[in-house]
N, C-alpha and C. Protein backbone atom coordinates (compact mmCIF):
# COMPACT_ATOMS: atom_id res chain seq x y z
N MET A 1 -13.28 -20.94 -12.38
CA MET A 1 -12.22 -19.98 -12.64
C MET A 1 -10.92 -20.47 -12.02
N PRO A 2 -9.82 -20.40 -12.74
CA PRO A 2 -8.54 -20.80 -12.16
C PRO A 2 -8.07 -19.79 -11.12
N ASP A 3 -7.29 -20.27 -10.18
CA ASP A 3 -6.74 -19.39 -9.16
C ASP A 3 -5.37 -18.92 -9.64
N ASP A 4 -5.27 -17.66 -10.05
CA ASP A 4 -4.03 -17.09 -10.57
C ASP A 4 -3.18 -16.42 -9.48
N SER A 5 -3.61 -16.55 -8.23
CA SER A 5 -2.90 -15.87 -7.15
C SER A 5 -1.57 -16.55 -6.85
N LEU A 6 -0.66 -15.77 -6.29
CA LEU A 6 0.64 -16.28 -5.88
C LEU A 6 0.67 -16.48 -4.38
N ASP A 7 1.57 -17.32 -3.94
CA ASP A 7 1.82 -17.49 -2.51
C ASP A 7 2.28 -16.14 -1.96
N GLN A 8 1.70 -15.73 -0.83
CA GLN A 8 2.01 -14.43 -0.24
C GLN A 8 3.50 -14.28 0.06
N SER A 9 4.18 -15.36 0.46
CA SER A 9 5.60 -15.24 0.78
C SER A 9 6.42 -14.89 -0.46
N VAL A 10 5.95 -15.30 -1.63
CA VAL A 10 6.67 -14.99 -2.88
C VAL A 10 6.53 -13.51 -3.22
N TRP A 11 5.30 -13.01 -3.29
CA TRP A 11 5.14 -11.62 -3.70
C TRP A 11 5.58 -10.65 -2.62
N SER A 12 5.43 -11.02 -1.34
CA SER A 12 5.87 -10.10 -0.29
C SER A 12 7.39 -9.97 -0.27
N GLN A 13 8.12 -11.02 -0.62
CA GLN A 13 9.58 -10.94 -0.69
C GLN A 13 10.00 -9.96 -1.78
N ASP A 14 9.33 -10.02 -2.92
CA ASP A 14 9.66 -9.10 -4.02
C ASP A 14 9.38 -7.65 -3.63
N ILE A 15 8.24 -7.42 -3.00
CA ILE A 15 7.91 -6.06 -2.57
C ILE A 15 8.88 -5.59 -1.49
N TYR A 16 9.17 -6.45 -0.52
CA TYR A 16 10.12 -6.11 0.55
C TYR A 16 11.47 -5.70 -0.05
N GLN A 17 11.98 -6.50 -0.98
CA GLN A 17 13.29 -6.21 -1.58
C GLN A 17 13.26 -4.87 -2.31
N ALA A 18 12.16 -4.60 -3.02
CA ALA A 18 12.03 -3.32 -3.72
C ALA A 18 11.97 -2.16 -2.74
N LEU A 19 11.30 -2.34 -1.59
CA LEU A 19 11.27 -1.29 -0.56
C LEU A 19 12.67 -1.03 -0.01
N LYS A 20 13.43 -2.09 0.21
CA LYS A 20 14.82 -1.92 0.68
C LYS A 20 15.63 -1.12 -0.34
N GLU A 21 15.50 -1.47 -1.61
CA GLU A 21 16.25 -0.77 -2.65
C GLU A 21 15.82 0.68 -2.79
N ALA A 22 14.57 0.98 -2.42
CA ALA A 22 14.07 2.36 -2.46
C ALA A 22 14.41 3.12 -1.18
N GLN A 23 15.17 2.50 -0.29
CA GLN A 23 15.64 3.10 0.96
C GLN A 23 14.49 3.49 1.89
N ILE A 24 13.47 2.63 1.97
CA ILE A 24 12.36 2.84 2.89
C ILE A 24 12.85 2.54 4.31
N GLY A 25 12.67 3.50 5.20
CA GLY A 25 13.12 3.35 6.57
C GLY A 25 11.99 3.28 7.58
N GLN A 26 10.78 3.60 7.16
CA GLN A 26 9.63 3.56 8.08
C GLN A 26 8.45 2.92 7.36
N VAL A 27 7.80 2.00 8.06
CA VAL A 27 6.66 1.27 7.51
C VAL A 27 5.48 1.46 8.46
N ALA A 28 4.44 2.11 7.95
CA ALA A 28 3.22 2.32 8.74
C ALA A 28 2.16 1.37 8.20
N TYR A 29 1.39 0.75 9.10
CA TYR A 29 0.40 -0.22 8.65
C TYR A 29 -0.70 -0.41 9.70
N VAL A 30 -1.87 -0.77 9.21
CA VAL A 30 -2.92 -1.31 10.06
C VAL A 30 -2.82 -2.82 9.87
N PRO A 31 -2.75 -3.60 10.95
CA PRO A 31 -2.60 -5.05 10.79
C PRO A 31 -3.63 -5.61 9.79
N ASP A 32 -3.13 -6.43 8.86
CA ASP A 32 -3.95 -6.94 7.78
C ASP A 32 -3.37 -8.26 7.30
N ALA A 33 -4.21 -9.25 7.09
CA ALA A 33 -3.76 -10.56 6.62
C ALA A 33 -3.12 -10.47 5.24
N GLY A 34 -3.60 -9.56 4.41
CA GLY A 34 -3.04 -9.42 3.06
C GLY A 34 -1.60 -8.96 3.04
N HIS A 35 -1.20 -8.21 4.04
CA HIS A 35 0.18 -7.72 4.14
C HIS A 35 0.99 -8.46 5.21
N LYS A 36 0.42 -9.52 5.80
CA LYS A 36 1.02 -10.18 6.96
C LYS A 36 2.49 -10.54 6.75
N ASP A 37 2.81 -11.23 5.68
CA ASP A 37 4.18 -11.66 5.45
C ASP A 37 5.12 -10.47 5.22
N LEU A 38 4.66 -9.48 4.47
CA LEU A 38 5.46 -8.28 4.23
C LEU A 38 5.72 -7.53 5.54
N ILE A 39 4.70 -7.40 6.37
CA ILE A 39 4.86 -6.73 7.66
C ILE A 39 5.88 -7.48 8.52
N GLU A 40 5.80 -8.80 8.54
CA GLU A 40 6.76 -9.59 9.33
C GLU A 40 8.18 -9.39 8.83
N ARG A 41 8.36 -9.33 7.51
CA ARG A 41 9.70 -9.09 6.95
C ARG A 41 10.23 -7.72 7.39
N CYS A 42 9.37 -6.74 7.35
CA CYS A 42 9.77 -5.38 7.76
C CYS A 42 10.09 -5.33 9.25
N HIS A 43 9.31 -6.01 10.08
CA HIS A 43 9.59 -6.07 11.52
C HIS A 43 10.96 -6.68 11.79
N ALA A 44 11.32 -7.69 11.01
CA ALA A 44 12.58 -8.40 11.23
C ALA A 44 13.80 -7.61 10.75
N ASP A 45 13.58 -6.54 10.03
CA ASP A 45 14.66 -5.74 9.46
C ASP A 45 15.01 -4.60 10.41
N ALA A 46 16.20 -4.64 10.97
CA ALA A 46 16.63 -3.61 11.93
C ALA A 46 16.73 -2.22 11.28
N GLY A 47 16.81 -2.16 9.96
CA GLY A 47 16.90 -0.88 9.27
C GLY A 47 15.56 -0.24 8.96
N MET A 48 14.49 -0.93 9.33
CA MET A 48 13.15 -0.39 9.10
C MET A 48 12.43 -0.23 10.43
N ARG A 49 11.85 0.92 10.62
CA ARG A 49 11.01 1.16 11.80
C ARG A 49 9.58 0.88 11.40
N THR A 50 8.94 -0.05 12.08
CA THR A 50 7.55 -0.39 11.77
C THR A 50 6.64 0.21 12.83
N VAL A 51 5.51 0.75 12.38
CA VAL A 51 4.56 1.40 13.29
C VAL A 51 3.16 0.86 12.99
N SER A 52 2.59 0.18 13.96
CA SER A 52 1.23 -0.31 13.84
C SER A 52 0.27 0.83 14.15
N LEU A 53 -0.68 1.06 13.27
CA LEU A 53 -1.63 2.17 13.40
C LEU A 53 -2.98 1.65 13.88
N THR A 54 -3.79 2.54 14.44
CA THR A 54 -5.16 2.17 14.76
C THR A 54 -6.08 2.45 13.58
N THR A 55 -5.70 3.40 12.73
CA THR A 55 -6.47 3.71 11.53
C THR A 55 -5.52 4.29 10.48
N GLU A 56 -5.85 4.07 9.23
CA GLU A 56 -4.93 4.38 8.13
C GLU A 56 -4.54 5.84 8.01
N GLU A 57 -5.44 6.76 8.33
CA GLU A 57 -5.09 8.18 8.16
C GLU A 57 -3.95 8.61 9.08
N GLU A 58 -3.76 7.92 10.19
CA GLU A 58 -2.61 8.21 11.05
C GLU A 58 -1.31 8.03 10.28
N GLY A 59 -1.29 7.07 9.38
CA GLY A 59 -0.09 6.79 8.60
C GLY A 59 0.30 7.92 7.68
N VAL A 60 -0.68 8.64 7.16
CA VAL A 60 -0.39 9.78 6.29
C VAL A 60 0.41 10.82 7.06
N ALA A 61 -0.06 11.21 8.25
CA ALA A 61 0.63 12.21 9.08
C ALA A 61 1.98 11.67 9.56
N LEU A 62 2.02 10.42 9.97
CA LEU A 62 3.26 9.81 10.45
C LEU A 62 4.34 9.85 9.38
N LEU A 63 3.97 9.52 8.15
CA LEU A 63 4.96 9.49 7.08
C LEU A 63 5.35 10.88 6.60
N ALA A 64 4.46 11.85 6.75
CA ALA A 64 4.84 13.24 6.48
C ALA A 64 5.91 13.67 7.47
N GLY A 65 5.71 13.32 8.72
CA GLY A 65 6.71 13.63 9.74
C GLY A 65 8.02 12.90 9.50
N ALA A 66 7.96 11.66 9.08
CA ALA A 66 9.18 10.90 8.77
C ALA A 66 9.95 11.60 7.65
N TRP A 67 9.22 12.05 6.61
CA TRP A 67 9.86 12.73 5.50
C TRP A 67 10.55 14.01 5.97
N LEU A 68 9.89 14.77 6.83
CA LEU A 68 10.51 15.98 7.38
C LEU A 68 11.76 15.66 8.18
N GLY A 69 11.80 14.46 8.75
CA GLY A 69 12.98 14.01 9.49
C GLY A 69 14.01 13.30 8.63
N GLY A 70 13.78 13.29 7.31
CA GLY A 70 14.76 12.71 6.40
C GLY A 70 14.61 11.22 6.14
N VAL A 71 13.46 10.64 6.46
CA VAL A 71 13.26 9.21 6.30
C VAL A 71 12.14 8.95 5.30
N ARG A 72 12.39 8.05 4.38
CA ARG A 72 11.37 7.61 3.43
C ARG A 72 10.50 6.55 4.08
N GLY A 73 9.21 6.59 3.78
CA GLY A 73 8.31 5.61 4.37
C GLY A 73 7.30 5.08 3.38
N VAL A 74 6.57 4.07 3.83
CA VAL A 74 5.50 3.47 3.04
C VAL A 74 4.32 3.20 3.96
N LEU A 75 3.12 3.37 3.42
CA LEU A 75 1.89 3.05 4.13
C LEU A 75 1.29 1.81 3.51
N LEU A 76 1.15 0.75 4.31
CA LEU A 76 0.55 -0.50 3.86
C LEU A 76 -0.88 -0.54 4.36
N MET A 77 -1.81 -0.79 3.45
CA MET A 77 -3.21 -0.86 3.87
C MET A 77 -4.03 -1.69 2.90
N GLN A 78 -5.22 -2.03 3.34
CA GLN A 78 -6.20 -2.71 2.53
C GLN A 78 -7.10 -1.65 1.89
N SER A 79 -7.73 -1.99 0.80
CA SER A 79 -8.56 -1.00 0.10
C SER A 79 -9.67 -0.45 0.98
N SER A 80 -10.13 -1.20 1.96
CA SER A 80 -11.18 -0.69 2.85
C SER A 80 -10.69 0.49 3.68
N GLY A 81 -9.39 0.66 3.83
CA GLY A 81 -8.83 1.77 4.59
C GLY A 81 -8.68 3.05 3.79
N VAL A 82 -8.85 2.97 2.47
CA VAL A 82 -8.69 4.16 1.63
C VAL A 82 -9.65 5.26 2.06
N GLY A 83 -10.89 4.90 2.33
CA GLY A 83 -11.89 5.89 2.73
C GLY A 83 -11.51 6.62 4.01
N ASN A 84 -10.74 5.96 4.88
CA ASN A 84 -10.31 6.59 6.13
C ASN A 84 -9.28 7.69 5.90
N CYS A 85 -8.61 7.68 4.75
CA CYS A 85 -7.51 8.61 4.48
C CYS A 85 -7.92 9.87 3.74
N VAL A 86 -9.14 9.96 3.28
CA VAL A 86 -9.54 11.04 2.38
C VAL A 86 -9.18 12.42 2.92
N ASN A 87 -9.54 12.73 4.13
CA ASN A 87 -9.27 14.06 4.67
C ASN A 87 -7.77 14.31 4.83
N MET A 88 -7.03 13.32 5.28
CA MET A 88 -5.58 13.51 5.50
C MET A 88 -4.81 13.63 4.19
N LEU A 89 -5.35 13.10 3.10
CA LEU A 89 -4.64 13.23 1.83
C LEU A 89 -4.54 14.67 1.37
N SER A 90 -5.38 15.54 1.92
CA SER A 90 -5.26 16.97 1.59
C SER A 90 -3.94 17.53 2.13
N LEU A 91 -3.42 16.98 3.22
CA LEU A 91 -2.11 17.39 3.76
C LEU A 91 -1.02 17.13 2.72
N VAL A 92 -1.06 15.97 2.12
CA VAL A 92 -0.06 15.59 1.12
C VAL A 92 -0.18 16.50 -0.11
N GLU A 93 -1.40 16.71 -0.56
CA GLU A 93 -1.63 17.53 -1.75
C GLU A 93 -1.21 18.98 -1.52
N GLU A 94 -1.61 19.54 -0.40
CA GLU A 94 -1.33 20.95 -0.12
C GLU A 94 0.14 21.20 0.18
N CYS A 95 0.77 20.31 0.91
CA CYS A 95 2.16 20.51 1.34
C CYS A 95 3.18 19.83 0.42
N ARG A 96 2.71 19.05 -0.53
CA ARG A 96 3.57 18.33 -1.49
C ARG A 96 4.55 17.40 -0.80
N PHE A 97 4.05 16.66 0.19
CA PHE A 97 4.85 15.59 0.80
C PHE A 97 4.78 14.36 -0.08
N PRO A 98 5.86 13.62 -0.19
CA PRO A 98 5.75 12.34 -0.89
C PRO A 98 5.02 11.34 -0.01
N LEU A 99 4.23 10.49 -0.62
CA LEU A 99 3.54 9.43 0.12
C LEU A 99 3.45 8.22 -0.79
N LEU A 100 4.06 7.14 -0.36
CA LEU A 100 4.00 5.86 -1.08
C LEU A 100 3.05 4.95 -0.32
N MET A 101 2.03 4.46 -1.01
CA MET A 101 1.06 3.55 -0.41
C MET A 101 1.03 2.25 -1.22
N ILE A 102 0.98 1.13 -0.52
CA ILE A 102 0.76 -0.16 -1.17
C ILE A 102 -0.55 -0.68 -0.61
N VAL A 103 -1.53 -0.82 -1.50
CA VAL A 103 -2.90 -1.13 -1.11
C VAL A 103 -3.28 -2.51 -1.65
N THR A 104 -3.53 -3.45 -0.75
CA THR A 104 -4.06 -4.74 -1.18
C THR A 104 -5.55 -4.59 -1.37
N MET A 105 -6.01 -5.01 -2.53
CA MET A 105 -7.40 -4.77 -2.92
C MET A 105 -8.33 -5.86 -2.41
N ARG A 106 -9.51 -5.43 -2.05
CA ARG A 106 -10.64 -6.30 -1.72
C ARG A 106 -11.80 -5.84 -2.59
N GLY A 107 -12.88 -6.60 -2.57
CA GLY A 107 -14.07 -6.20 -3.33
C GLY A 107 -13.92 -6.39 -4.83
N GLN A 108 -12.96 -7.19 -5.23
CA GLN A 108 -12.74 -7.47 -6.64
C GLN A 108 -12.98 -8.95 -6.90
N TRP A 109 -12.21 -9.50 -7.77
CA TRP A 109 -12.31 -10.89 -8.22
C TRP A 109 -12.41 -11.87 -7.04
N GLY A 110 -13.47 -12.65 -7.03
CA GLY A 110 -13.63 -13.71 -6.03
C GLY A 110 -14.03 -13.27 -4.64
N GLU A 111 -14.38 -12.01 -4.45
CA GLU A 111 -14.72 -11.51 -3.12
C GLU A 111 -15.97 -12.23 -2.59
N THR A 112 -15.91 -12.65 -1.32
CA THR A 112 -17.05 -13.30 -0.69
C THR A 112 -17.65 -12.48 0.44
N ASN A 113 -17.04 -11.35 0.75
CA ASN A 113 -17.54 -10.50 1.82
C ASN A 113 -18.18 -9.26 1.18
N PRO A 114 -19.52 -9.17 1.19
CA PRO A 114 -20.17 -8.06 0.51
C PRO A 114 -19.81 -6.69 1.09
N TRP A 115 -19.36 -6.61 2.31
CA TRP A 115 -18.98 -5.34 2.93
C TRP A 115 -17.70 -4.77 2.32
N GLN A 116 -16.92 -5.61 1.67
CA GLN A 116 -15.67 -5.15 1.06
C GLN A 116 -15.86 -4.59 -0.35
N VAL A 117 -16.97 -4.91 -0.99
CA VAL A 117 -17.17 -4.55 -2.39
C VAL A 117 -17.23 -3.04 -2.63
N PRO A 118 -18.05 -2.27 -1.89
CA PRO A 118 -18.16 -0.84 -2.23
C PRO A 118 -16.83 -0.08 -2.21
N MET A 119 -16.05 -0.20 -1.16
CA MET A 119 -14.79 0.55 -1.11
C MET A 119 -13.76 -0.05 -2.05
N GLY A 120 -13.78 -1.36 -2.21
CA GLY A 120 -12.87 -1.99 -3.16
C GLY A 120 -13.09 -1.48 -4.58
N GLN A 121 -14.33 -1.29 -4.94
CA GLN A 121 -14.64 -0.78 -6.27
C GLN A 121 -14.35 0.72 -6.38
N ALA A 122 -14.55 1.44 -5.29
CA ALA A 122 -14.38 2.90 -5.32
C ALA A 122 -12.95 3.37 -5.09
N ALA A 123 -12.11 2.55 -4.49
CA ALA A 123 -10.77 2.98 -4.07
C ALA A 123 -9.97 3.68 -5.17
N PRO A 124 -9.86 3.14 -6.38
CA PRO A 124 -9.06 3.85 -7.40
C PRO A 124 -9.59 5.24 -7.71
N VAL A 125 -10.89 5.38 -7.79
CA VAL A 125 -11.50 6.68 -8.11
C VAL A 125 -11.34 7.65 -6.94
N VAL A 126 -11.54 7.16 -5.72
CA VAL A 126 -11.39 8.00 -4.53
C VAL A 126 -9.96 8.52 -4.44
N LEU A 127 -8.99 7.64 -4.61
CA LEU A 127 -7.58 8.06 -4.54
C LEU A 127 -7.27 9.09 -5.63
N ALA A 128 -7.67 8.81 -6.85
CA ALA A 128 -7.40 9.75 -7.95
C ALA A 128 -8.07 11.09 -7.71
N THR A 129 -9.28 11.08 -7.18
CA THR A 129 -10.00 12.33 -6.89
C THR A 129 -9.26 13.15 -5.84
N CYS A 130 -8.56 12.47 -4.94
CA CYS A 130 -7.78 13.15 -3.89
C CYS A 130 -6.39 13.57 -4.36
N GLY A 131 -6.11 13.41 -5.65
CA GLY A 131 -4.82 13.83 -6.19
C GLY A 131 -3.73 12.79 -6.14
N VAL A 132 -4.08 11.56 -5.79
CA VAL A 132 -3.10 10.47 -5.70
C VAL A 132 -2.92 9.86 -7.08
N ILE A 133 -1.69 9.59 -7.44
CA ILE A 133 -1.38 8.88 -8.68
C ILE A 133 -1.62 7.40 -8.41
N VAL A 134 -2.45 6.77 -9.19
CA VAL A 134 -2.85 5.38 -8.97
C VAL A 134 -2.20 4.48 -10.01
N GLN A 135 -1.51 3.45 -9.52
CA GLN A 135 -0.90 2.45 -10.40
C GLN A 135 -1.40 1.08 -9.96
N HIS A 136 -1.57 0.17 -10.91
CA HIS A 136 -2.11 -1.16 -10.63
C HIS A 136 -1.05 -2.23 -10.81
N LEU A 137 -1.01 -3.17 -9.87
CA LEU A 137 -0.14 -4.34 -9.98
C LEU A 137 -1.03 -5.56 -10.13
N GLU A 138 -0.87 -6.26 -11.23
CA GLU A 138 -1.71 -7.43 -11.49
C GLU A 138 -0.90 -8.69 -11.79
N ALA A 139 0.40 -8.56 -12.06
CA ALA A 139 1.22 -9.70 -12.45
C ALA A 139 2.51 -9.74 -11.65
N ALA A 140 2.99 -10.95 -11.41
CA ALA A 140 4.19 -11.15 -10.59
C ALA A 140 5.39 -10.37 -11.12
N GLY A 141 5.56 -10.31 -12.43
CA GLY A 141 6.69 -9.60 -13.00
C GLY A 141 6.65 -8.10 -12.80
N ASP A 142 5.49 -7.58 -12.38
CA ASP A 142 5.33 -6.14 -12.16
C ASP A 142 5.70 -5.70 -10.75
N LEU A 143 5.91 -6.64 -9.83
CA LEU A 143 6.08 -6.28 -8.43
C LEU A 143 7.27 -5.37 -8.17
N ALA A 144 8.46 -5.89 -8.35
CA ALA A 144 9.65 -5.10 -8.04
C ALA A 144 9.73 -3.84 -8.90
N PRO A 145 9.54 -3.94 -10.23
CA PRO A 145 9.60 -2.71 -11.02
C PRO A 145 8.48 -1.73 -10.66
N GLY A 146 7.32 -2.24 -10.30
CA GLY A 146 6.19 -1.37 -9.93
C GLY A 146 6.46 -0.60 -8.66
N VAL A 147 7.01 -1.27 -7.65
CA VAL A 147 7.35 -0.60 -6.39
C VAL A 147 8.46 0.41 -6.64
N ALA A 148 9.47 0.02 -7.41
CA ALA A 148 10.58 0.93 -7.70
C ALA A 148 10.10 2.19 -8.43
N ALA A 149 9.24 2.00 -9.43
CA ALA A 149 8.74 3.15 -10.20
C ALA A 149 7.86 4.05 -9.33
N ALA A 150 7.02 3.45 -8.51
CA ALA A 150 6.15 4.25 -7.64
C ALA A 150 6.96 5.01 -6.61
N ALA A 151 7.96 4.37 -6.02
CA ALA A 151 8.82 5.05 -5.04
C ALA A 151 9.57 6.20 -5.70
N GLN A 152 10.10 5.96 -6.88
CA GLN A 152 10.81 7.01 -7.62
C GLN A 152 9.89 8.21 -7.85
N MET A 153 8.68 7.92 -8.32
CA MET A 153 7.73 9.00 -8.60
C MET A 153 7.36 9.75 -7.33
N ALA A 154 7.08 9.02 -6.26
CA ALA A 154 6.66 9.66 -5.01
C ALA A 154 7.76 10.53 -4.42
N PHE A 155 8.96 9.98 -4.32
CA PHE A 155 10.02 10.68 -3.58
C PHE A 155 10.77 11.72 -4.40
N VAL A 156 10.74 11.61 -5.71
CA VAL A 156 11.40 12.62 -6.53
C VAL A 156 10.45 13.77 -6.85
N SER A 157 9.18 13.46 -7.08
CA SER A 157 8.23 14.51 -7.45
C SER A 157 7.39 15.02 -6.28
N ASN A 158 7.63 14.47 -5.07
CA ASN A 158 6.85 14.87 -3.89
C ASN A 158 5.35 14.74 -4.14
N ARG A 159 4.95 13.57 -4.55
CA ARG A 159 3.54 13.29 -4.84
C ARG A 159 3.10 12.04 -4.10
N ALA A 160 1.82 11.91 -3.95
CA ALA A 160 1.25 10.68 -3.39
C ALA A 160 1.05 9.68 -4.53
N VAL A 161 1.52 8.47 -4.31
CA VAL A 161 1.39 7.40 -5.29
C VAL A 161 0.87 6.16 -4.57
N ALA A 162 -0.17 5.56 -5.12
CA ALA A 162 -0.73 4.34 -4.55
C ALA A 162 -0.58 3.20 -5.54
N LEU A 163 0.03 2.12 -5.09
CA LEU A 163 0.10 0.89 -5.87
C LEU A 163 -1.03 -0.01 -5.41
N LEU A 164 -1.92 -0.35 -6.30
CA LEU A 164 -3.04 -1.21 -5.96
C LEU A 164 -2.71 -2.63 -6.40
N VAL A 165 -2.58 -3.51 -5.41
CA VAL A 165 -2.25 -4.91 -5.69
C VAL A 165 -3.56 -5.66 -5.82
N GLY A 166 -3.89 -6.07 -7.05
CA GLY A 166 -5.18 -6.65 -7.37
C GLY A 166 -5.50 -7.93 -6.62
N GLN A 167 -6.78 -8.13 -6.34
CA GLN A 167 -7.23 -9.29 -5.59
C GLN A 167 -7.03 -10.59 -6.36
N ARG A 168 -7.12 -10.55 -7.67
CA ARG A 168 -6.87 -11.76 -8.44
C ARG A 168 -5.43 -12.21 -8.25
N PHE A 169 -4.54 -11.25 -8.09
CA PHE A 169 -3.13 -11.56 -7.90
C PHE A 169 -2.84 -12.07 -6.49
N ILE A 170 -3.37 -11.40 -5.47
CA ILE A 170 -3.07 -11.79 -4.09
C ILE A 170 -3.96 -12.93 -3.59
N GLY A 171 -5.08 -13.13 -4.27
CA GLY A 171 -6.00 -14.20 -3.88
C GLY A 171 -7.15 -13.66 -3.05
N ALA A 172 -8.30 -14.21 -3.26
CA ALA A 172 -9.49 -13.82 -2.50
C ALA A 172 -9.51 -14.57 -1.18
N LYS A 173 -9.88 -13.87 -0.12
CA LYS A 173 -10.03 -14.52 1.18
C LYS A 173 -11.27 -15.40 1.13
N LYS A 174 -11.17 -16.55 1.75
CA LYS A 174 -12.28 -17.49 1.77
C LYS A 174 -12.89 -17.54 3.16
N PHE A 175 -14.19 -17.36 3.22
CA PHE A 175 -14.92 -17.43 4.48
C PHE A 175 -15.95 -18.54 4.35
N ASP A 176 -15.90 -19.50 5.26
CA ASP A 176 -16.88 -20.60 5.24
C ASP A 176 -17.83 -20.51 6.40
C-alpha cells in the first residue's frame, strides 16, 4: 500500500493558520505525538494560551469556562481520548456551549497497536451519539477549509463539532 500521509509540519501549519483565522485563543490538549508540531506552534504563539491536560474531559470544562470568559478554544486529542469525554459532553449538549475538537485518529489504516483499534473504530459513533457533529478530514486540501467550517459551525451555533483527521492522512505510527 502506498503511504498517502503528509509531513506533520505541513498539515499542522495549515491547521494552525486556520485556528488563528478562527480567532482561537485557548488550546487544550493531552500531549500526543500526532499533534506535536501543532502544539509547538500554538505554544510559540503569544496570542494563544496553551493548557496541557491530564485527561481529555478536563478540556471540555476548561473550554466551556474560556467561552464564558469570551475566548474561543480548541481541544486537541487522539481518538483514544474520545471515550474519556463522554460524560463531560453532556455539559456541552445541555448548556449549548460551543466546543471545537480536532481528533487525530488511531485504529484505522495501517494501525499496528491493537489497543488503539476499538476506540478508533468507535470514536465517530460515540461522538455522534453524544450530540457532537462529526466531520472527517482525509485530504490536504480539506485542512484549512475544514477547520474554518467546523469553527464557524461550533461558535455560531453553540454546538460541539469534532474534526476527525484520518490516520491514512496523518500516517500510521510504526512500532518495531
